[in-house]
């Protein structure tokens, strides 16, 4: 089980294993749930596994207006994606 010190260090350096400090991490598929996203992590060095839990902390408004710029949010291309309805 993680100590409070290990957890605190991991939260400030999530690219390092909280158990052994290795950067040899394998990231599992992130799964979105109602109010959080979870992701399984495996340290390839010490073989420990844990789950990262992500929650929404804040939002930022986009600086541009998609109706004016005509940018596809998924590809960055200049054509509008067919599933977007722009008045």
Protein backbone atom coordinates (compact mmCIF):
# COMPACT_ATOMS: atom_id res chain seq x y z
CA UNK A 1 0.00 0.00 0.00
CA UNK A 2 1.20 3.51 -0.81
CA UNK A 3 2.30 5.76 2.01
CA UNK A 4 1.01 9.35 2.09
CA UNK A 5 4.50 10.54 1.17
CA UNK A 6 4.65 8.25 -1.89
CA UNK A 7 1.20 9.40 -3.02
CA UNK A 8 2.10 13.08 -2.59
CA UNK A 9 5.31 12.64 -4.59
CA UNK A 10 3.44 10.78 -7.35
CA UNK A 11 0.78 13.48 -7.64
CA UNK A 12 3.52 16.04 -8.35
CA UNK A 13 5.55 13.69 -10.63
CA UNK A 14 3.02 11.30 -12.22
CA UNK A 15 5.53 10.22 -14.87
CA UNK A 16 7.46 8.24 -12.21
CA UNK A 17 6.43 5.03 -10.42
CA UNK A 18 5.29 5.88 -6.88
CA UNK A 19 6.86 2.64 -5.59
CA UNK A 20 10.32 2.50 -7.18
CA UNK A 21 10.71 5.85 -8.99
CA UNK A 22 11.14 4.30 -12.45
CA UNK A 23 9.91 6.08 -15.56
CA UNK A 24 9.21 2.74 -17.29
CA UNK A 25 5.41 2.99 -17.08
CA UNK A 26 2.83 1.32 -19.30
CA UNK A 27 -0.39 3.26 -19.55
CA UNK A 28 -3.61 1.34 -19.95
CA UNK A 29 -6.70 2.53 -21.76
CA UNK A 30 -8.37 5.53 -20.12
CA UNK A 31 -12.07 4.91 -19.44
CA UNK A 32 -14.50 7.78 -18.97
CA UNK A 33 -17.15 7.37 -16.31
CA UNK A 34 -19.89 9.80 -15.25
CA UNK A 35 -17.78 12.16 -13.15
CA UNK A 36 -14.25 10.84 -13.58
CA UNK A 37 -11.86 9.05 -15.89
CA UNK A 38 -9.77 6.08 -14.73
CA UNK A 39 -6.58 4.64 -16.22
CA UNK A 40 -4.63 1.53 -15.23
CA UNK A 41 -0.87 1.97 -14.91
CA UNK A 42 1.84 -0.72 -14.76
CA UNK A 43 5.46 -0.14 -13.76
CA UNK A 44 7.54 -2.35 -16.04
CA UNK A 45 10.46 -2.29 -13.58
CA UNK A 46 8.88 -3.29 -10.24
CA UNK A 47 5.65 -4.79 -11.73
CA UNK A 48 3.37 -2.79 -9.40
CA UNK A 49 -0.05 -1.76 -10.75
CA UNK A 50 -2.32 1.11 -9.77
CA UNK A 51 -5.17 3.20 -11.14
CA UNK A 52 -4.99 6.92 -11.86
CA UNK A 53 -8.27 8.74 -11.23
CA UNK A 54 -8.85 11.97 -13.14
CA UNK A 55 -11.60 14.44 -12.25
CA UNK A 56 -12.61 17.71 -13.87
CA UNK A 57 -10.81 20.56 -12.10
CA UNK A 58 -11.74 23.50 -14.30
CA UNK A 59 -12.72 24.50 -17.81
CA UNK A 60 -11.46 27.19 -20.14
CA UNK A 61 -13.42 28.87 -22.88
CA UNK A 62 -11.98 28.52 -26.37
CA UNK A 63 -10.47 31.67 -27.80
CA UNK A 64 -11.93 31.13 -31.28
CA UNK A 65 -15.40 30.70 -32.72
CA UNK A 66 -15.84 27.48 -34.73
CA UNK A 67 -18.65 29.07 -36.76
CA UNK A 68 -16.20 31.69 -38.08
CA UNK A 69 -13.00 29.66 -38.32
CA UNK A 70 -14.50 26.51 -39.87
CA UNK A 71 -11.95 24.23 -38.20
CA UNK A 72 -12.51 20.50 -37.71
CA UNK A 73 -11.97 19.85 -34.00
CA UNK A 74 -10.75 16.29 -34.59
CA UNK A 75 -8.31 16.74 -37.46
CA UNK A 76 -7.49 20.44 -37.55
CA UNK A 77 -8.40 20.53 -41.24
CA UNK A 78 -10.19 23.45 -42.79
CA UNK A 79 -13.40 21.59 -43.60
CA UNK A 80 -16.27 21.11 -41.18
CA UNK A 81 -16.83 17.62 -39.88
CA UNK A 82 -20.15 16.20 -41.17
CA UNK A 83 -21.46 15.65 -37.64
CA UNK A 84 -21.15 19.32 -36.66
CA UNK A 85 -24.15 21.50 -37.38
CA UNK A 86 -23.11 25.12 -37.78
CA UNK A 87 -25.92 27.69 -38.21
